[in-house]
Amino acid sequence: MNERNSTVARALAALGHEARLQIFRLLVRAGDEGLIVGDIASHTGLPLSTLAHHLRTLVTAGLVKQERRGREIVNRADYRAMNRTLDYLTAECCMGVELVRQKVA
């Protein structure tokens, strides 16, 4: 498996959990301003410790960027990473697939 496949697989695995998908979609809606952890918790209803775990997974997968602003940590969706993942999934859309048939001896 090549590095690009691995990167996309990590991103999709991170989004494959309902809570992380909810968090990521919330950050996409928030736009470039992002959201602090407390605001994400208010919107999702997730406990802070659980939210921290999910955010760490999204950050590790490259889908979320964090920036310290004083005592707060602002979380933002990484739109370039999101678009790279989507581009990878749709790059060969509708190009057809040639079936390979094996002869049975």
PDB file of N, CA and C in Angstrom:
ATOM      1  N   MET A   1       0.850  -1.167   0.000  1.00  0.00           N
ATOM      2  CA  MET A   1       0.000   0.000   0.000  1.00  0.00           C
ATOM      3  C   MET A   1       0.902   1.239   0.000  1.00  0.00           C
ATOM      4  N   ASN A   2       0.548   2.238  -0.805  1.00  0.00           N
ATOM      5  CA  ASN A   2       1.383   3.434  -0.867  1.00  0.00           C
ATOM      6  C   ASN A   2       0.978   4.445   0.217  1.00  0.00           C
ATOM      7  N   GLU A   3       1.791   5.494   0.360  1.00  0.00           N
ATOM      8  CA  GLU A   3       1.573   6.476   1.425  1.00  0.00           C
ATOM      9  C   GLU A   3       0.238   7.205   1.271  1.00  0.00           C
ATOM     10  N   ARG A   4      -0.145   7.510   0.048  1.00  0.00           N
ATOM     11  CA  ARG A   4      -1.416   8.208  -0.166  1.00  0.00           C
ATOM     12  C   ARG A   4      -2.585   7.331   0.278  1.00  0.00           C
ATOM     13  N   ASN A   5      -2.524   6.038  -0.054  1.00  0.00           N
ATOM     14  CA  ASN A   5      -3.572   5.119   0.398  1.00  0.00           C
ATOM     15  C   ASN A   5      -3.647   5.105   1.923  1.00  0.00           C
ATOM     16  N   SER A   6      -2.480   5.075   2.570  1.00  0.00           N
ATOM     17  CA  SER A   6      -2.440   5.045   4.031  1.00  0.00           C
ATOM     18  C   SER A   6      -3.042   6.309   4.630  1.00  0.00           C
ATOM     19  N   THR A   7      -2.713   7.448   4.049  1.00  0.00           N
ATOM     20  CA  THR A   7      -3.238   8.724   4.543  1.00  0.00           C
ATOM     21  C   THR A   7      -4.758   8.767   4.422  1.00  0.00           C
ATOM     22  N   VAL A   8      -5.259   8.365   3.274  1.00  0.00           N
ATOM     23  CA  VAL A   8      -6.716   8.364   3.060  1.00  0.00           C
ATOM     24  C   VAL A   8      -7.381   7.342   3.973  1.00  0.00           C
ATOM     25  N   ALA A   9      -6.761   6.185   4.138  1.00  0.00           N
ATOM     26  CA  ALA A   9      -7.335   5.159   5.011  1.00  0.00           C
ATOM     27  C   ALA A   9      -7.432   5.659   6.450  1.00  0.00           C
ATOM     28  N   ARG A  10      -6.403   6.376   6.931  1.00  0.00           N
ATOM     29  CA  ARG A  10      -6.448   6.943   8.292  1.00  0.00           C
ATOM     30  C   ARG A  10      -7.575   7.967   8.423  1.00  0.00           C
ATOM     31  N   ALA A  11      -7.724   8.802   7.411  1.00  0.00           N
ATOM     32  CA  ALA A  11      -8.780   9.819   7.448  1.00  0.00           C
ATOM     33  C   ALA A  11     -10.157   9.158   7.474  1.00  0.00           C
ATOM     34  N   LEU A  12     -10.351   8.173   6.620  1.00  0.00           N
ATOM     35  CA  LEU A  12     -11.653   7.500   6.574  1.00  0.00           C
ATOM     36  C   LEU A  12     -11.922   6.708   7.848  1.00  0.00           C
ATOM     37  N   ALA A  13     -10.888   6.089   8.406  1.00  0.00           N
ATOM     38  CA  ALA A  13     -11.066   5.361   9.669  1.00  0.00           C
ATOM     39  C   ALA A  13     -11.476   6.319  10.781  1.00  0.00           C
ATOM     40  N   ALA A  14     -10.854   7.496  10.803  1.00  0.00           N
ATOM     41  CA  ALA A  14     -11.209   8.492  11.827  1.00  0.00           C
ATOM     42  C   ALA A  14     -12.655   8.935  11.672  1.00  0.00           C
ATOM     43  N   LEU A  15     -13.087   9.108  10.442  1.00  0.00           N
ATOM     44  CA  LEU A  15     -14.468   9.545  10.195  1.00  0.00           C
ATOM     45  C   LEU A  15     -15.471   8.403  10.326  1.00  0.00           C
ATOM     46  N   GLY A  16     -14.963   7.183  10.480  1.00  0.00           N
ATOM     47  CA  GLY A  16     -15.828   6.011  10.564  1.00  0.00           C
ATOM     48  C   GLY A  16     -16.485   5.817  11.920  1.00  0.00           C
ATOM     49  N   HIS A  17     -16.306   6.741  12.815  1.00  0.00           N
ATOM     50  CA  HIS A  17     -16.951   6.692  14.125  1.00  0.00           C
ATOM     51  C   HIS A  17     -17.986   7.812  14.173  1.00  0.00           C
ATOM     52  N   GLU A  18     -19.168   7.483  14.637  1.00  0.00           N
ATOM     53  CA  GLU A  18     -20.281   8.444  14.609  1.00  0.00           C
ATOM     54  C   GLU A  18     -19.955   9.758  15.326  1.00  0.00           C
ATOM     55  N   ALA A  19     -19.325   9.682  16.482  1.00  0.00           N
ATOM     56  CA  ALA A  19     -19.005  10.907  17.237  1.00  0.00           C
ATOM     57  C   ALA A  19     -17.984  11.756  16.483  1.00  0.00           C
ATOM     58  N   ARG A  20     -16.961  11.119  15.906  1.00  0.00           N
ATOM     59  CA  ARG A  20     -15.944  11.883  15.177  1.00  0.00           C
ATOM     60  C   ARG A  20     -16.519  12.492  13.907  1.00  0.00           C
ATOM     61  N   LEU A  21     -17.394  11.776  13.257  1.00  0.00           N
ATOM     62  CA  LEU A  21     -18.052  12.329  12.074  1.00  0.00           C
ATOM     63  C   LEU A  21     -18.888  13.543  12.472  1.00  0.00           C
ATOM     64  N   GLN A  22     -19.589  13.452  13.581  1.00  0.00           N
ATOM     65  CA  GLN A  22     -20.389  14.579  14.079  1.00  0.00           C
ATOM     66  C   GLN A  22     -19.489  15.782  14.389  1.00  0.00           C
ATOM     67  N   ILE A  23     -18.379  15.544  15.048  1.00  0.00           N
ATOM     68  CA  ILE A  23     -17.440  16.622  15.394  1.00  0.00           C
ATOM     69  C   ILE A  23     -16.887  17.263  14.128  1.00  0.00           C
ATOM     70  N   PHE A  24     -16.454  16.430  13.183  1.00  0.00           N
ATOM     71  CA  PHE A  24     -15.857  16.963  11.959  1.00  0.00           C
ATOM     72  C   PHE A  24     -16.871  17.796  11.171  1.00  0.00           C
ATOM     73  N   ARG A  25     -18.081  17.305  11.039  1.00  0.00           N
ATOM     74  CA  ARG A  25     -19.118  18.059  10.308  1.00  0.00           C
ATOM     75  C   ARG A  25     -19.419  19.382  11.010  1.00  0.00           C
ATOM     76  N   LEU A  26     -19.397  19.388  12.334  1.00  0.00           N
ATOM     77  CA  LEU A  26     -19.605  20.616  13.097  1.00  0.00           C
ATOM     78  C   LEU A  26     -18.484  21.612  12.801  1.00  0.00           C
ATOM     79  N   LEU A  27     -17.248  21.128  12.758  1.00  0.00           N
ATOM     80  CA  LEU A  27     -16.119  22.008  12.467  1.00  0.00           C
ATOM     81  C   LEU A  27     -16.166  22.519  11.031  1.00  0.00           C
ATOM     82  N   VAL A  28     -16.635  21.708  10.117  1.00  0.00           N
ATOM     83  CA  VAL A  28     -16.807  22.168   8.731  1.00  0.00           C
ATOM     84  C   VAL A  28     -17.824  23.302   8.698  1.00  0.00           C
ATOM     85  N   ARG A  29     -18.920  23.138   9.418  1.00  0.00           N
ATOM     86  CA  ARG A  29     -19.944  24.191   9.459  1.00  0.00           C
ATOM     87  C   ARG A  29     -19.409  25.456  10.127  1.00  0.00           C
ATOM     88  N   ALA A  30     -18.523  25.309  11.098  1.00  0.00           N
ATOM     89  CA  ALA A  30     -17.986  26.464  11.822  1.00  0.00           C
ATOM     90  C   ALA A  30     -17.088  27.321  10.939  1.00  0.00           C
ATOM     91  N   GLY A  31     -16.525  26.731   9.900  1.00  0.00           N
ATOM     92  CA  GLY A  31     -15.686  27.498   8.982  1.00  0.00           C
ATOM     93  C   GLY A  31     -14.320  27.802   9.558  1.00  0.00           C
ATOM     94  N   ASP A  32     -13.698  28.841   9.009  1.00  0.00           N
ATOM     95  CA  ASP A  32     -12.325  29.182   9.375  1.00  0.00           C
ATOM     96  C   ASP A  32     -12.173  29.662  10.816  1.00  0.00           C
ATOM     97  N   GLU A  33     -13.245  30.118  11.427  1.00  0.00           N
ATOM     98  CA  GLU A  33     -13.167  30.558  12.823  1.00  0.00           C
ATOM     99  C   GLU A  33     -12.912  29.387  13.755  1.00  0.00           C
ATOM    100  N   GLY A  34     -13.412  28.212  13.386  1.00  0.00           N
ATOM    101  CA  GLY A  34     -13.251  27.034  14.222  1.00  0.00           C
ATOM    102  C   GLY A  34     -14.056  27.136  15.496  1.00  0.00           C
ATOM    103  N   LEU A  35     -13.833  26.212  16.390  1.00  0.00           N
ATOM    104  CA  LEU A  35     -14.539  26.174  17.669  1.00  0.00           C
ATOM    105  C   LEU A  35     -13.586  25.738  18.769  1.00  0.00           C
ATOM    106  N   ILE A  36     -13.799  26.271  19.959  1.00  0.00           N
ATOM    107  CA  ILE A  36     -13.033  25.804  21.104  1.00  0.00           C
ATOM    108  C   ILE A  36     -13.696  24.526  21.629  1.00  0.00           C
ATOM    109  N   VAL A  37     -12.940  23.795  22.429  1.00  0.00           N
ATOM    110  CA  VAL A  37     -13.400  22.497  22.909  1.00  0.00           C
ATOM    111  C   VAL A  37     -14.734  22.611  23.649  1.00  0.00           C
ATOM    112  N   GLY A  38     -14.873  23.612  24.490  1.00  0.00           N
ATOM    113  CA  GLY A  38     -16.122  23.777  25.241  1.00  0.00           C
ATOM    114  C   GLY A  38     -17.332  23.961  24.344  1.00  0.00           C
ATOM    115  N   ASP A  39     -17.156  24.712  23.260  1.00  0.00           N
ATOM    116  CA  ASP A  39     -18.261  24.916  22.312  1.00  0.00           C
ATOM    117  C   ASP A  39     -18.610  23.621  21.587  1.00  0.00           C
ATOM    118  N   ILE A  40     -17.586  22.842  21.240  1.00  0.00           N
ATOM    119  CA  ILE A  40     -17.844  21.552  20.586  1.00  0.00           C
ATOM    120  C   ILE A  40     -18.612  20.647  21.541  1.00  0.00           C
ATOM    121  N   ALA A  41     -18.202  20.632  22.810  1.00  0.00           N
ATOM    122  CA  ALA A  41     -18.891  19.817  23.810  1.00  0.00           C
ATOM    123  C   ALA A  41     -20.344  20.244  23.960  1.00  0.00           C
ATOM    124  N   SER A  42     -20.598  21.561  23.955  1.00  0.00           N
ATOM    125  CA  SER A  42     -21.979  22.059  24.071  1.00  0.00           C
ATOM    126  C   SER A  42     -22.839  21.598  22.908  1.00  0.00           C
ATOM    127  N   HIS A  43     -22.274  21.630  21.701  1.00  0.00           N
ATOM    128  CA  HIS A  43     -23.039  21.232  20.516  1.00  0.00           C
ATOM    129  C   HIS A  43     -23.254  19.721  20.426  1.00  0.00           C
ATOM    130  N   THR A  44     -22.266  18.946  20.863  1.00  0.00           N
ATOM    131  CA  THR A  44     -22.352  17.496  20.694  1.00  0.00           C
ATOM    132  C   THR A  44     -22.881  16.761  21.907  1.00  0.00           C
ATOM    133  N   GLY A  45     -22.762  17.384  23.080  1.00  0.00           N
ATOM    134  CA  GLY A  45     -23.176  16.706  24.303  1.00  0.00           C
ATOM    135  C   GLY A  45     -22.175  15.667  24.789  1.00  0.00           C
ATOM    136  N   LEU A  46     -20.989  15.647  24.192  1.00  0.00           N
ATOM    137  CA  LEU A  46     -19.965  14.681  24.596  1.00  0.00           C
ATOM    138  C   LEU A  46     -19.223  15.177  25.833  1.00  0.00           C
ATOM    139  N   PRO A  47     -18.893  14.280  26.764  1.00  0.00           N
ATOM    140  CA  PRO A  47     -18.065  14.669  27.905  1.00  0.00           C
ATOM    141  C   PRO A  47     -16.691  15.131  27.415  1.00  0.00           C
ATOM    142  N   LEU A  48     -16.063  16.049  28.137  1.00  0.00           N
ATOM    143  CA  LEU A  48     -14.791  16.617  27.704  1.00  0.00           C
ATOM    144  C   LEU A  48     -13.705  15.560  27.494  1.00  0.00           C
ATOM    145  N   SER A  49     -13.649  14.553  28.364  1.00  0.00           N
ATOM    146  CA  SER A  49     -12.608  13.528  28.209  1.00  0.00           C
ATOM    147  C   SER A  49     -12.832  12.711  26.933  1.00  0.00           C
ATOM    148  N   THR A  50     -14.064  12.402  26.645  1.00  0.00           N
ATOM    149  CA  THR A  50     -14.396  11.662  25.424  1.00  0.00           C
ATOM    150  C   THR A  50     -14.122  12.525  24.200  1.00  0.00           C
ATOM    151  N   LEU A  51     -14.497  13.779  24.285  1.00  0.00           N
ATOM    152  CA  LEU A  51     -14.272  14.710  23.185  1.00  0.00           C
ATOM    153  C   LEU A  51     -12.784  14.864  22.900  1.00  0.00           C
ATOM    154  N   ALA A  52     -11.974  14.947  23.942  1.00  0.00           N
ATOM    155  CA  ALA A  52     -10.523  15.077  23.766  1.00  0.00           C
ATOM    156  C   ALA A  52      -9.963  13.872  23.013  1.00  0.00           C
ATOM    157  N   HIS A  53     -10.438  12.694  23.348  1.00  0.00           N
ATOM    158  CA  HIS A  53      -9.997  11.470  22.663  1.00  0.00           C
ATOM    159  C   HIS A  53     -10.343  11.531  21.172  1.00  0.00           C
ATOM    160  N   HIS A  54     -11.576  11.910  20.861  1.00  0.00           N
ATOM    161  CA  HIS A  54     -12.014  11.961  19.465  1.00  0.00           C
ATOM    162  C   HIS A  54     -11.283  13.054  18.684  1.00  0.00           C
ATOM    163  N   LEU A  55     -11.071  14.200  19.316  1.00  0.00           N
ATOM    164  CA  LEU A  55     -10.327  15.267  18.639  1.00  0.00           C
ATOM    165  C   LEU A  55      -8.886  14.838  18.356  1.00  0.00           C
ATOM    166  N   ARG A  56      -8.275  14.149  19.297  1.00  0.00           N
ATOM    167  CA  ARG A  56      -6.908  13.671  19.102  1.00  0.00           C
ATOM    168  C   ARG A  56      -6.836  12.722  17.891  1.00  0.00           C
ATOM    169  N   THR A  57      -7.838  11.874  17.752  1.00  0.00           N
ATOM    170  CA  THR A  57      -7.886  10.956  16.611  1.00  0.00           C
ATOM    171  C   THR A  57      -8.020  11.722  15.308  1.00  0.00           C
ATOM    172  N   LEU A  58      -8.871  12.747  15.277  1.00  0.00           N
ATOM    173  CA  LEU A  58      -9.051  13.554  14.069  1.00  0.00           C
ATOM    174  C   LEU A  58      -7.793  14.352  13.734  1.00  0.00           C
ATOM    175  N   VAL A  59      -7.110  14.842  14.764  1.00  0.00           N
ATOM    176  CA  VAL A  59      -5.859  15.576  14.549  1.00  0.00           C
ATOM    177  C   VAL A  59      -4.794  14.629  13.998  1.00  0.00           C
ATOM    178  N   THR A  60      -4.664  13.454  14.596  1.00  0.00           N
ATOM    179  CA  THR A  60      -3.681  12.465  14.148  1.00  0.00           C
ATOM    180  C   THR A  60      -3.942  12.036  12.705  1.00  0.00           C
ATOM    181  N   ALA A  61      -5.214  11.968  12.330  1.00  0.00           N
ATOM    182  CA  ALA A  61      -5.579  11.591  10.963  1.00  0.00           C
ATOM    183  C   ALA A  61      -5.369  12.741   9.982  1.00  0.00           C
ATOM    184  N   GLY A  62      -5.048  13.924  10.493  1.00  0.00           N
ATOM    185  CA  GLY A  62      -4.787  15.073   9.624  1.00  0.00           C
ATOM    186  C   GLY A  62      -6.016  15.832   9.185  1.00  0.00           C
ATOM    187  N   LEU A  63      -7.151  15.558   9.792  1.00  0.00           N
ATOM    188  CA  LEU A  63      -8.395  16.203   9.372  1.00  0.00           C
ATOM    189  C   LEU A  63      -8.723  17.463  10.164  1.00  0.00           C
ATOM    190  N   VAL A  64      -8.122  17.608  11.328  1.00  0.00           N
ATOM    191  CA  VAL A  64      -8.389  18.766  12.188  1.00  0.00           C
ATOM    192  C   VAL A  64      -7.055  19.386  12.588  1.00  0.00           C
ATOM    193  N   LYS A  65      -7.025  20.720  12.556  1.00  0.00           N
ATOM    194  CA  LYS A  65      -5.859  21.477  13.035  1.00  0.00           C
ATOM    195  C   LYS A  65      -6.250  22.172  14.320  1.00  0.00           C
ATOM    196  N   GLN A  66      -5.301  22.231  15.241  1.00  0.00           N
ATOM    197  CA  GLN A  66      -5.536  22.907  16.507  1.00  0.00           C
ATOM    198  C   GLN A  66      -4.547  24.055  16.664  1.00  0.00           C
ATOM    199  N   GLU A  67      -5.047  25.132  17.273  1.00  0.00           N
ATOM    200  CA  GLU A  67      -4.213  26.302  17.521  1.00  0.00           C
ATOM    201  C   GLU A  67      -4.486  26.784  18.938  1.00  0.00           C
ATOM    202  N   ARG A  68      -3.420  26.927  19.705  1.00  0.00           N
ATOM    203  CA  ARG A  68      -3.575  27.438  21.071  1.00  0.00           C
ATOM    204  C   ARG A  68      -3.741  28.945  21.003  1.00  0.00           C
ATOM    205  N   ARG A  69      -4.778  29.432  21.681  1.00  0.00           N
ATOM    206  CA  ARG A  69      -5.050  30.870  21.771  1.00  0.00           C
ATOM    207  C   ARG A  69      -5.234  31.185  23.245  1.00  0.00           C
ATOM    208  N   GLY A  70      -4.109  31.542  23.885  1.00  0.00           N
ATOM    209  CA  GLY A  70      -4.156  31.738  25.334  1.00  0.00           C
ATOM    210  C   GLY A  70      -4.409  30.408  26.021  1.00  0.00           C
ATOM    211  N   ARG A  71      -5.470  30.341  26.801  1.00  0.00           N
ATOM    212  CA  ARG A  71      -5.813  29.101  27.498  1.00  0.00           C
ATOM    213  C   ARG A  71      -6.733  28.216  26.681  1.00  0.00           C
ATOM    214  N   GLU A  72      -7.191  28.704  25.552  1.00  0.00           N
ATOM    215  CA  GLU A  72      -8.132  27.948  24.721  1.00  0.00           C
ATOM    216  C   GLU A  72      -7.413  27.283  23.551  1.00  0.00           C
ATOM    217  N   ILE A  73      -7.999  26.194  23.091  1.00  0.00           N
ATOM    218  CA  ILE A  73      -7.505  25.534  21.886  1.00  0.00           C
ATOM    219  C   ILE A  73      -8.610  25.609  20.845  1.00  0.00           C
ATOM    220  N   VAL A  74      -8.290  26.272  19.740  1.00  0.00           N
ATOM    221  CA  VAL A  74      -9.252  26.414  18.646  1.00  0.00           C
ATOM    222  C   VAL A  74      -9.046  25.236  17.694  1.00  0.00           C
ATOM    223  N   ASN A  75     -10.135  24.592  17.353  1.00  0.00           N
ATOM    224  CA  ASN A  75     -10.123  23.447  16.448  1.00  0.00           C
ATOM    225  C   ASN A  75     -10.750  23.848  15.129  1.00  0.00           C
ATOM    226  N   ARG A  76     -10.078  23.504  14.032  1.00  0.00           N
ATOM    227  CA  ARG A  76     -10.588  23.828  12.695  1.00  0.00           C
ATOM    228  C   ARG A  76     -10.482  22.608  11.800  1.00  0.00           C
ATOM    229  N   ALA A  77     -11.455  22.445  10.941  1.00  0.00           N
ATOM    230  CA  ALA A  77     -11.361  21.396   9.923  1.00  0.00           C
ATOM    231  C   ALA A  77     -10.240  21.780   8.966  1.00  0.00           C
ATOM    232  N   ASP A  78      -9.448  20.804   8.562  1.00  0.00           N
ATOM    233  CA  ASP A  78      -8.400  21.028   7.563  1.00  0.00           C
ATOM    234  C   ASP A  78      -9.028  20.753   6.202  1.00  0.00           C
ATOM    235  N   TYR A  79      -9.448  21.813   5.533  1.00  0.00           N
ATOM    236  CA  TYR A  79     -10.177  21.669   4.275  1.00  0.00           C
ATOM    237  C   TYR A  79      -9.321  21.076   3.169  1.00  0.00           C
ATOM    238  N   ARG A  80      -8.017  21.372   3.184  1.00  0.00           N
ATOM    239  CA  ARG A  80      -7.137  20.791   2.166  1.00  0.00           C
ATOM    240  C   ARG A  80      -7.083  19.274   2.324  1.00  0.00           C
ATOM    241  N   ALA A  81      -6.963  18.796   3.556  1.00  0.00           N
ATOM    242  CA  ALA A  81      -6.934  17.351   3.806  1.00  0.00           C
ATOM    243  C   ALA A  81      -8.276  16.731   3.437  1.00  0.00           C
ATOM    244  N   MET A  82      -9.364  17.405   3.777  1.00  0.00           N
ATOM    245  CA  MET A  82     -10.694  16.900   3.430  1.00  0.00           C
ATOM    246  C   MET A  82     -10.832  16.788   1.916  1.00  0.00           C
ATOM    247  N   ASN A  83     -10.413  17.824   1.205  1.00  0.00           N
ATOM    248  CA  ASN A  83     -10.533  17.806  -0.252  1.00  0.00           C
ATOM    249  C   ASN A  83      -9.614  16.771  -0.895  1.00  0.00           C
ATOM    250  N   ARG A  84      -8.421  16.569  -0.337  1.00  0.00           N
ATOM    251  CA  ARG A  84      -7.536  15.517  -0.862  1.00  0.00           C
ATOM    252  C   ARG A  84      -8.183  14.143  -0.711  1.00  0.00           C
ATOM    253  N   THR A  85      -8.846  13.933   0.421  1.00  0.00           N
ATOM    254  CA  THR A  85      -9.521  12.652   0.657  1.00  0.00           C
ATOM    255  C   THR A  85     -10.660  12.462  -0.330  1.00  0.00           C
ATOM    256  N   LEU A  86     -11.465  13.502  -0.506  1.00  0.00           N
ATOM    257  CA  LEU A  86     -12.575  13.419  -1.463  1.00  0.00           C
ATOM    258  C   LEU A  86     -12.079  13.250  -2.893  1.00  0.00           C
ATOM    259  N   ASP A  87     -11.020  13.966  -3.250  1.00  0.00           N
ATOM    260  CA  ASP A  87     -10.450  13.847  -4.592  1.00  0.00           C
ATOM    261  C   ASP A  87      -9.951  12.431  -4.847  1.00  0.00           C
ATOM    262  N   TYR A  88      -9.321  11.850  -3.843  1.00  0.00           N
ATOM    263  CA  TYR A  88      -8.824  10.491  -3.986  1.00  0.00           C
ATOM    264  C   TYR A  88      -9.977   9.523  -4.258  1.00  0.00           C
ATOM    265  N   LEU A  89     -11.071   9.701  -3.526  1.00  0.00           N
ATOM    266  CA  LEU A  89     -12.215   8.802  -3.676  1.00  0.00           C
ATOM    267  C   LEU A  89     -12.908   8.944  -5.024  1.00  0.00           C
ATOM    268  N   THR A  90     -12.858  10.127  -5.594  1.00  0.00           N
ATOM    269  CA  THR A  90     -13.611  10.380  -6.829  1.00  0.00           C
ATOM    270  C   THR A  90     -12.727  10.529  -8.061  1.00  0.00           C
ATOM    271  N   ALA A  91     -11.427  10.369  -7.924  1.00  0.00           N
ATOM    272  CA  ALA A  91     -10.489  10.643  -9.017  1.00  0.00           C
ATOM    273  C   ALA A  91     -10.757   9.834 -10.280  1.00  0.00           C
ATOM    274  N   GLU A  92     -11.191   8.619 -10.137  1.00  0.00           N
ATOM    275  CA  GLU A  92     -11.383   7.769 -11.309  1.00  0.00           C
ATOM    276  C   GLU A  92     -12.854   7.432 -11.531  1.00  0.00           C
ATOM    277  N   CYS A  93     -13.697   8.331 -11.100  1.00  0.00           N
ATOM    278  CA  CYS A  93     -15.136   8.107 -11.206  1.00  0.00           C
ATOM    279  C   CYS A  93     -15.559   7.847 -12.649  1.00  0.00           C
ATOM    280  N   CYS A  94     -16.321   6.809 -12.819  1.00  0.00           N
ATOM    281  CA  CYS A  94     -17.001   6.482 -14.079  1.00  0.00           C
ATOM    282  C   CYS A  94     -16.033   6.181 -15.229  1.00  0.00           C
ATOM    283  N   MET A  95     -14.819   5.764 -14.915  1.00  0.00           N
ATOM    284  CA  MET A  95     -13.852   5.449 -15.961  1.00  0.00           C
ATOM    285  C   MET A  95     -13.989   4.007 -16.437  1.00  0.00           C
ATOM    286  N   GLY A  96     -14.767   3.242 -15.732  1.00  0.00           N
ATOM    287  CA  GLY A  96     -14.946   1.843 -16.108  1.00  0.00           C
ATOM    288  C   GLY A  96     -13.891   0.971 -15.448  1.00  0.00           C
ATOM    289  N   VAL A  97     -14.200  -0.306 -15.402  1.00  0.00           N
ATOM    290  CA  VAL A  97     -13.288  -1.278 -14.824  1.00  0.00           C
ATOM    291  C   VAL A  97     -13.228  -2.468 -15.759  1.00  0.00           C
ATOM    292  N   GLU A  98     -12.014  -2.812 -16.127  1.00  0.00           N
ATOM    293  CA  GLU A  98     -11.843  -3.990 -16.966  1.00  0.00           C
ATOM    294  C   GLU A  98     -11.749  -5.207 -16.054  1.00  0.00           C
ATOM    295  N   LEU A  99     -12.618  -6.149 -16.308  1.00  0.00           N
ATOM    296  CA  LEU A  99     -12.624  -7.354 -15.483  1.00  0.00           C
ATOM    297  C   LEU A  99     -11.488  -8.270 -15.912  1.00  0.00           C
ATOM    298  N   VAL A 100     -10.858  -8.846 -14.932  1.00  0.00           N
ATOM    299  CA  VAL A 100      -9.791  -9.808 -15.184  1.00  0.00           C
ATOM    300  C   VAL A 100     -10.353 -11.176 -14.872  1.00  0.00           C
ATOM    301  N   ARG A 101     -10.376 -12.024 -15.826  1.00  0.00           N
ATOM    302  CA  ARG A 101     -10.912 -13.376 -15.639  1.00  0.00           C
ATOM    303  C   ARG A 101      -9.757 -14.358 -15.616  1.00  0.00           C
ATOM    304  N   GLN A 102      -9.787 -15.233 -14.641  1.00  0.00           N
ATOM    305  CA  GLN A 102      -8.755 -16.248 -14.546  1.00  0.00           C
ATOM    306  C   GLN A 102      -9.272 -17.543 -15.139  1.00  0.00           C
ATOM    307  N   LYS A 103      -8.389 -18.206 -15.873  1.00  0.00           N
ATOM    308  CA  LYS A 103      -8.759 -19.514 -16.430  1.00  0.00           C
ATOM    309  C   LYS A 103      -8.634 -20.555 -15.334  1.00  0.00           C
ATOM    310  N   VAL A 104      -9.599 -21.403 -15.287  1.00  0.00           N
ATOM    311  CA  VAL A 104      -9.555 -22.510 -14.346  1.00  0.00           C
ATOM    312  C   VAL A 104      -8.943 -23.704 -15.091  1.00  0.00           C
ATOM    313  N   ALA A 105      -7.879 -24.231 -14.578  1.00  0.00           N
ATOM    314  CA  ALA A 105      -7.177 -25.324 -15.272  1.00  0.00           C
ATOM    315  C   ALA A 105      -7.887 -26.638 -15.107  1.00  0.00           C
TER     316      ALA A 105
END
